[in-house]
């Protein structure tokens, strides 16, 4: 299954490879829940409804977090 961001990088596989490396380096030093919380906070700040939905879903499904209360 291809993700939306893989499709976005389809024309530039070298940029996608760099993104995967950067994202992996960021995640490597963080607890997965903390990563999702920080990413949700960044998405809220940037007003990215798509990213809020994606990371909020992960928080709710994987960590059983009260996403609405956190986001507000």
PDB file of N, CA and C in Angstrom:
ATOM      1  N   UNK A   1       0.848  -1.185   0.000  1.00  0.00           N
ATOM      2  CA  UNK A   1       0.000   0.000   0.000  1.00  0.00           C
ATOM      3  C   UNK A   1       0.890   1.244   0.000  1.00  0.00           C
ATOM      4  N   UNK A   2       0.606   2.150  -0.869  1.00  0.00           N
ATOM      5  CA  UNK A   2       1.365   3.391  -0.983  1.00  0.00           C
ATOM      6  C   UNK A   2       0.705   4.474  -0.138  1.00  0.00           C
ATOM      7  N   UNK A   3       1.518   5.160   0.663  1.00  0.00           N
ATOM      8  CA  UNK A   3       0.979   6.249   1.480  1.00  0.00           C
ATOM      9  C   UNK A   3       0.874   7.520   0.646  1.00  0.00           C
ATOM     10  N   UNK A   4       0.127   8.489   1.167  1.00  0.00           N
ATOM     11  CA  UNK A   4      -0.017   9.770   0.466  1.00  0.00           C
ATOM     12  C   UNK A   4       1.324  10.468   0.302  1.00  0.00           C
ATOM     13  N   UNK A   5       2.180  10.419   1.332  1.00  0.00           N
ATOM     14  CA  UNK A   5       3.451  11.115   1.198  1.00  0.00           C
ATOM     15  C   UNK A   5       4.395  10.382   0.248  1.00  0.00           C
ATOM     16  N   UNK A   6       4.255   9.062   0.108  1.00  0.00           N
ATOM     17  CA  UNK A   6       5.046   8.351  -0.907  1.00  0.00           C
ATOM     18  C   UNK A   6       4.633   8.809  -2.308  1.00  0.00           C
ATOM     19  N   UNK A   7       3.334   9.000  -2.498  1.00  0.00           N
ATOM     20  CA  UNK A   7       2.842   9.515  -3.788  1.00  0.00           C
ATOM     21  C   UNK A   7       3.375  10.918  -4.052  1.00  0.00           C
ATOM     22  N   UNK A   8       3.409  11.734  -3.008  1.00  0.00           N
ATOM     23  CA  UNK A   8       3.899  13.109  -3.169  1.00  0.00           C
ATOM     24  C   UNK A   8       5.363  13.142  -3.600  1.00  0.00           C
ATOM     25  N   UNK A   9       6.126  12.170  -3.149  1.00  0.00           N
ATOM     26  CA  UNK A   9       7.553  12.116  -3.482  1.00  0.00           C
ATOM     27  C   UNK A   9       7.850  11.235  -4.699  1.00  0.00           C
ATOM     28  N   UNK A  10       6.835  10.725  -5.365  1.00  0.00           N
ATOM     29  CA  UNK A  10       7.031   9.757  -6.445  1.00  0.00           C
ATOM     30  C   UNK A  10       7.973  10.260  -7.542  1.00  0.00           C
ATOM     31  N   UNK A  11       7.919  11.522  -7.844  1.00  0.00           N
ATOM     32  CA  UNK A  11       8.773  12.093  -8.892  1.00  0.00           C
ATOM     33  C   UNK A  11      10.202  12.326  -8.427  1.00  0.00           C
ATOM     34  N   UNK A  12      10.425  12.300  -7.113  1.00  0.00           N
ATOM     35  CA  UNK A  12      11.758  12.586  -6.556  1.00  0.00           C
ATOM     36  C   UNK A  12      12.149  11.533  -5.521  1.00  0.00           C
ATOM     37  N   UNK A  13      12.492  10.340  -5.957  1.00  0.00           N
ATOM     38  CA  UNK A  13      12.804   9.267  -5.005  1.00  0.00           C
ATOM     39  C   UNK A  13      13.981   9.594  -4.082  1.00  0.00           C
ATOM     40  N   UNK A  14      14.921  10.414  -4.543  1.00  0.00           N
ATOM     41  CA  UNK A  14      16.050  10.786  -3.678  1.00  0.00           C
ATOM     42  C   UNK A  14      15.605  11.689  -2.533  1.00  0.00           C
ATOM     43  N   UNK A  15      14.591  12.525  -2.788  1.00  0.00           N
ATOM     44  CA  UNK A  15      14.047  13.376  -1.735  1.00  0.00           C
ATOM     45  C   UNK A  15      13.264  12.510  -0.746  1.00  0.00           C
ATOM     46  N   UNK A  16      12.535  11.533  -1.255  1.00  0.00           N
ATOM     47  CA  UNK A  16      11.814  10.618  -0.381  1.00  0.00           C
ATOM     48  C   UNK A  16      12.790   9.847   0.513  1.00  0.00           C
ATOM     49  N   UNK A  17      13.882   9.378  -0.048  1.00  0.00           N
ATOM     50  CA  UNK A  17      14.888   8.648   0.736  1.00  0.00           C
ATOM     51  C   UNK A  17      15.456   9.542   1.842  1.00  0.00           C
ATOM     52  N   UNK A  18      15.704  10.794   1.538  1.00  0.00           N
ATOM     53  CA  UNK A  18      16.208  11.729   2.546  1.00  0.00           C
ATOM     54  C   UNK A  18      15.155  11.965   3.629  1.00  0.00           C
ATOM     55  N   UNK A  19      13.892  12.078   3.231  1.00  0.00           N
ATOM     56  CA  UNK A  19      12.809  12.266   4.198  1.00  0.00           C
ATOM     57  C   UNK A  19      12.704  11.062   5.143  1.00  0.00           C
ATOM     58  N   UNK A  20      12.784   9.866   4.575  1.00  0.00           N
ATOM     59  CA  UNK A  20      12.711   8.652   5.391  1.00  0.00           C
ATOM     60  C   UNK A  20      13.866   8.621   6.396  1.00  0.00           C
ATOM     61  N   UNK A  21      15.051   8.998   5.951  1.00  0.00           N
ATOM     62  CA  UNK A  21      16.217   9.017   6.835  1.00  0.00           C
ATOM     63  C   UNK A  21      16.038  10.057   7.955  1.00  0.00           C
ATOM     64  N   UNK A  22      15.608  11.262   7.608  1.00  0.00           N
ATOM     65  CA  UNK A  22      15.393  12.310   8.610  1.00  0.00           C
ATOM     66  C   UNK A  22      14.319  11.902   9.612  1.00  0.00           C
ATOM     67  N   UNK A  23      13.193  11.430   9.116  1.00  0.00           N
ATOM     68  CA  UNK A  23      12.099  11.023   9.985  1.00  0.00           C
ATOM     69  C   UNK A  23      12.528   9.878  10.904  1.00  0.00           C
ATOM     70  N   UNK A  24      13.281   8.944  10.374  1.00  0.00           N
ATOM     71  CA  UNK A  24      13.780   7.840  11.186  1.00  0.00           C
ATOM     72  C   UNK A  24      14.719   8.315  12.279  1.00  0.00           C
ATOM     73  N   UNK A  25      15.569   9.280  11.958  1.00  0.00           N
ATOM     74  CA  UNK A  25      16.507   9.819  12.941  1.00  0.00           C
ATOM     75  C   UNK A  25      15.762  10.550  14.058  1.00  0.00           C
ATOM     76  N   UNK A  26      14.719  11.261  13.714  1.00  0.00           N
ATOM     77  CA  UNK A  26      13.918  11.972  14.713  1.00  0.00           C
ATOM     78  C   UNK A  26      13.206  10.970  15.613  1.00  0.00           C
ATOM     79  N   UNK A  27      12.584   9.967  15.017  1.00  0.00           N
ATOM     80  CA  UNK A  27      11.827   8.976  15.769  1.00  0.00           C
ATOM     81  C   UNK A  27      12.718   8.083  16.630  1.00  0.00           C
ATOM     82  N   UNK A  28      13.942   7.848  16.198  1.00  0.00           N
ATOM     83  CA  UNK A  28      14.828   6.898  16.882  1.00  0.00           C
ATOM     84  C   UNK A  28      15.077   7.279  18.337  1.00  0.00           C
ATOM     85  N   UNK A  29      15.119   8.555  18.632  1.00  0.00           N
ATOM     86  CA  UNK A  29      15.403   8.994  19.982  1.00  0.00           C
ATOM     87  C   UNK A  29      14.171   9.321  20.802  1.00  0.00           C
ATOM     88  N   UNK A  30      12.993   8.927  20.312  1.00  0.00           N
ATOM     89  CA  UNK A  30      11.755   9.300  21.006  1.00  0.00           C
ATOM     90  C   UNK A  30      10.881   8.084  21.255  1.00  0.00           C
ATOM     91  N   UNK A  31      10.144   8.160  22.339  1.00  0.00           N
ATOM     92  CA  UNK A  31       9.084   7.206  22.599  1.00  0.00           C
ATOM     93  C   UNK A  31       8.009   7.398  21.514  1.00  0.00           C
ATOM     94  N   UNK A  32       7.444   6.332  20.953  1.00  0.00           N
ATOM     95  CA  UNK A  32       6.451   6.488  19.873  1.00  0.00           C
ATOM     96  C   UNK A  32       5.257   7.374  20.247  1.00  0.00           C
ATOM     97  N   UNK A  33       4.785   7.278  21.472  1.00  0.00           N
ATOM     98  CA  UNK A  33       3.662   8.119  21.906  1.00  0.00           C
ATOM     99  C   UNK A  33       4.067   9.587  21.924  1.00  0.00           C
ATOM    100  N   UNK A  34       5.253   9.867  22.429  1.00  0.00           N
ATOM    101  CA  UNK A  34       5.737  11.249  22.468  1.00  0.00           C
ATOM    102  C   UNK A  34       5.871  11.813  21.056  1.00  0.00           C
ATOM    103  N   UNK A  35       6.378  10.996  20.143  1.00  0.00           N
ATOM    104  CA  UNK A  35       6.509  11.429  18.747  1.00  0.00           C
ATOM    105  C   UNK A  35       5.146  11.833  18.186  1.00  0.00           C
ATOM    106  N   UNK A  36       4.148  10.996  18.402  1.00  0.00           N
ATOM    107  CA  UNK A  36       2.813  11.296  17.881  1.00  0.00           C
ATOM    108  C   UNK A  36       2.224  12.538  18.538  1.00  0.00           C
ATOM    109  N   UNK A  37       2.422  12.704  19.842  1.00  0.00           N
ATOM    110  CA  UNK A  37       1.932  13.902  20.529  1.00  0.00           C
ATOM    111  C   UNK A  37       2.612  15.160  19.995  1.00  0.00           C
ATOM    112  N   UNK A  38       3.931  15.104  19.830  1.00  0.00           N
ATOM    113  CA  UNK A  38       4.667  16.267  19.315  1.00  0.00           C
ATOM    114  C   UNK A  38       4.261  16.576  17.878  1.00  0.00           C
ATOM    115  N   UNK A  39       4.054  15.548  17.096  1.00  0.00           N
ATOM    116  CA  UNK A  39       3.659  15.749  15.703  1.00  0.00           C
ATOM    117  C   UNK A  39       2.245  16.313  15.621  1.00  0.00           C
ATOM    118  N   UNK A  40       1.356  15.842  16.491  1.00  0.00           N
ATOM    119  CA  UNK A  40       0.008  16.408  16.532  1.00  0.00           C
ATOM    120  C   UNK A  40       0.066  17.887  16.915  1.00  0.00           C
ATOM    121  N   UNK A  41       0.893  18.218  17.900  1.00  0.00           N
ATOM    122  CA  UNK A  41       1.023  19.621  18.316  1.00  0.00           C
ATOM    123  C   UNK A  41       1.555  20.485  17.164  1.00  0.00           C
ATOM    124  N   UNK A  42       2.549  19.975  16.450  1.00  0.00           N
ATOM    125  CA  UNK A  42       3.096  20.720  15.307  1.00  0.00           C
ATOM    126  C   UNK A  42       2.047  20.877  14.213  1.00  0.00           C
ATOM    127  N   UNK A  43       1.288  19.827  13.971  1.00  0.00           N
ATOM    128  CA  UNK A  43       0.238  19.892  12.947  1.00  0.00           C
ATOM    129  C   UNK A  43      -0.836  20.910  13.317  1.00  0.00           C
ATOM    130  N   UNK A  44      -1.186  20.954  14.604  1.00  0.00           N
ATOM    131  CA  UNK A  44      -2.158  21.958  15.065  1.00  0.00           C
ATOM    132  C   UNK A  44      -1.619  23.370  14.845  1.00  0.00           C
ATOM    133  N   UNK A  45      -0.357  23.567  15.195  1.00  0.00           N
ATOM    134  CA  UNK A  45       0.272  24.894  15.054  1.00  0.00           C
ATOM    135  C   UNK A  45       0.307  25.325  13.590  1.00  0.00           C
ATOM    136  N   UNK A  46       0.574  24.360  12.706  1.00  0.00           N
ATOM    137  CA  UNK A  46       0.641  24.652  11.272  1.00  0.00           C
ATOM    138  C   UNK A  46      -0.743  24.651  10.615  1.00  0.00           C
ATOM    139  N   UNK A  47      -1.765  24.326  11.399  1.00  0.00           N
ATOM    140  CA  UNK A  47      -3.142  24.247  10.915  1.00  0.00           C
ATOM    141  C   UNK A  47      -3.301  23.243   9.780  1.00  0.00           C
ATOM    142  N   UNK A  48      -2.619  22.111   9.939  1.00  0.00           N
ATOM    143  CA  UNK A  48      -2.708  21.044   8.945  1.00  0.00           C
ATOM    144  C   UNK A  48      -3.751  20.030   9.397  1.00  0.00           C
ATOM    145  N   UNK A  49      -4.957  20.175   8.885  1.00  0.00           N
ATOM    146  CA  UNK A  49      -6.032  19.268   9.287  1.00  0.00           C
ATOM    147  C   UNK A  49      -5.720  17.834   8.867  1.00  0.00           C
ATOM    148  N   UNK A  50      -5.079  17.655   7.728  1.00  0.00           N
ATOM    149  CA  UNK A  50      -4.736  16.309   7.262  1.00  0.00           C
ATOM    150  C   UNK A  50      -3.789  15.625   8.255  1.00  0.00           C
ATOM    151  N   UNK A  51      -2.727  16.316   8.659  1.00  0.00           N
ATOM    152  CA  UNK A  51      -1.757  15.737   9.588  1.00  0.00           C
ATOM    153  C   UNK A  51      -2.359  15.558  10.983  1.00  0.00           C
ATOM    154  N   UNK A  52      -3.215  16.488  11.397  1.00  0.00           N
ATOM    155  CA  UNK A  52      -3.910  16.327  12.681  1.00  0.00           C
ATOM    156  C   UNK A  52      -4.739  15.050  12.672  1.00  0.00           C
ATOM    157  N   UNK A  53      -5.452  14.834  11.596  1.00  0.00           N
ATOM    158  CA  UNK A  53      -6.272  13.633  11.489  1.00  0.00           C
ATOM    159  C   UNK A  53      -5.404  12.379  11.494  1.00  0.00           C
ATOM    160  N   UNK A  54      -4.336  12.390  10.722  1.00  0.00           N
ATOM    161  CA  UNK A  54      -3.469  11.210  10.628  1.00  0.00           C
ATOM    162  C   UNK A  54      -2.838  10.871  11.974  1.00  0.00           C
ATOM    163  N   UNK A  55      -2.225  11.853  12.625  1.00  0.00           N
ATOM    164  CA  UNK A  55      -1.540  11.581  13.889  1.00  0.00           C
ATOM    165  C   UNK A  55      -2.521  11.436  15.049  1.00  0.00           C
ATOM    166  N   UNK A  56      -3.646  12.126  14.984  1.00  0.00           N
ATOM    167  CA  UNK A  56      -4.689  11.929  15.982  1.00  0.00           C
ATOM    168  C   UNK A  56      -5.255  10.519  15.932  1.00  0.00           C
ATOM    169  N   UNK A  57      -5.403   9.996  14.740  1.00  0.00           N
ATOM    170  CA  UNK A  57      -5.880   8.623  14.574  1.00  0.00           C
ATOM    171  C   UNK A  57      -4.908   7.631  15.186  1.00  0.00           C
ATOM    172  N   UNK A  58      -3.619   7.837  14.946  1.00  0.00           N
ATOM    173  CA  UNK A  58      -2.607   6.954  15.540  1.00  0.00           C
ATOM    174  C   UNK A  58      -2.690   7.021  17.064  1.00  0.00           C
ATOM    175  N   UNK A  59      -2.787   8.218  17.603  1.00  0.00           N
ATOM    176  CA  UNK A  59      -2.874   8.371  19.057  1.00  0.00           C
ATOM    177  C   UNK A  59      -4.100   7.671  19.623  1.00  0.00           C
ATOM    178  N   UNK A  60      -5.209   7.790  18.951  1.00  0.00           N
ATOM    179  CA  UNK A  60      -6.436   7.195  19.451  1.00  0.00           C
ATOM    180  C   UNK A  60      -6.412   5.673  19.311  1.00  0.00           C
ATOM    181  N   UNK A  61      -5.994   5.177  18.165  1.00  0.00           N
ATOM    182  CA  UNK A  61      -6.049   3.739  17.910  1.00  0.00           C
ATOM    183  C   UNK A  61      -4.929   2.965  18.597  1.00  0.00           C
ATOM    184  N   UNK A  62      -3.732   3.513  18.597  1.00  0.00           N
ATOM    185  CA  UNK A  62      -2.587   2.789  19.133  1.00  0.00           C
ATOM    186  C   UNK A  62      -2.369   3.024  20.622  1.00  0.00           C
ATOM    187  N   UNK A  63      -2.706   4.223  21.083  1.00  0.00           N
ATOM    188  CA  UNK A  63      -2.400   4.580  22.464  1.00  0.00           C
ATOM    189  C   UNK A  63      -3.639   4.888  23.302  1.00  0.00           C
ATOM    190  N   UNK A  64      -4.822   4.776  22.699  1.00  0.00           N
ATOM    191  CA  UNK A  64      -6.088   5.028  23.392  1.00  0.00           C
ATOM    192  C   UNK A  64      -6.092   6.391  24.092  1.00  0.00           C
ATOM    193  N   UNK A  65      -5.594   7.404  23.387  1.00  0.00           N
ATOM    194  CA  UNK A  65      -5.516   8.759  23.926  1.00  0.00           C
ATOM    195  C   UNK A  65      -6.795   9.538  23.621  1.00  0.00           C
ATOM    196  N   UNK A  66      -7.211  10.441  24.515  1.00  0.00           N
ATOM    197  CA  UNK A  66      -8.371  11.307  24.274  1.00  0.00           C
ATOM    198  C   UNK A  66      -7.961  12.475  23.349  1.00  0.00           C
ATOM    199  N   UNK A  67      -7.946  12.216  22.079  1.00  0.00           N
ATOM    200  CA  UNK A  67      -7.360  13.144  21.097  1.00  0.00           C
ATOM    201  C   UNK A  67      -8.040  14.504  21.100  1.00  0.00           C
ATOM    202  N   UNK A  68      -9.345  14.557  21.172  1.00  0.00           N
ATOM    203  CA  UNK A  68     -10.037  15.851  21.148  1.00  0.00           C
ATOM    204  C   UNK A  68      -9.590  16.712  22.321  1.00  0.00           C
ATOM    205  N   UNK A  69      -9.542  16.147  23.505  1.00  0.00           N
ATOM    206  CA  UNK A  69      -9.111  16.902  24.680  1.00  0.00           C
ATOM    207  C   UNK A  69      -7.664  17.358  24.545  1.00  0.00           C
ATOM    208  N   UNK A  70      -6.820  16.512  24.005  1.00  0.00           N
ATOM    209  CA  UNK A  70      -5.410  16.880  23.801  1.00  0.00           C
ATOM    210  C   UNK A  70      -5.310  18.019  22.796  1.00  0.00           C
ATOM    211  N   UNK A  71      -6.022  17.898  21.688  1.00  0.00           N
ATOM    212  CA  UNK A  71      -5.937  18.900  20.629  1.00  0.00           C
ATOM    213  C   UNK A  71      -6.446  20.269  21.097  1.00  0.00           C
ATOM    214  N   UNK A  72      -7.462  20.256  21.938  1.00  0.00           N
ATOM    215  CA  UNK A  72      -8.017  21.518  22.419  1.00  0.00           C
ATOM    216  C   UNK A  72      -7.152  22.105  23.500  1.00  0.00           C
TER     217      UNK A  72
END
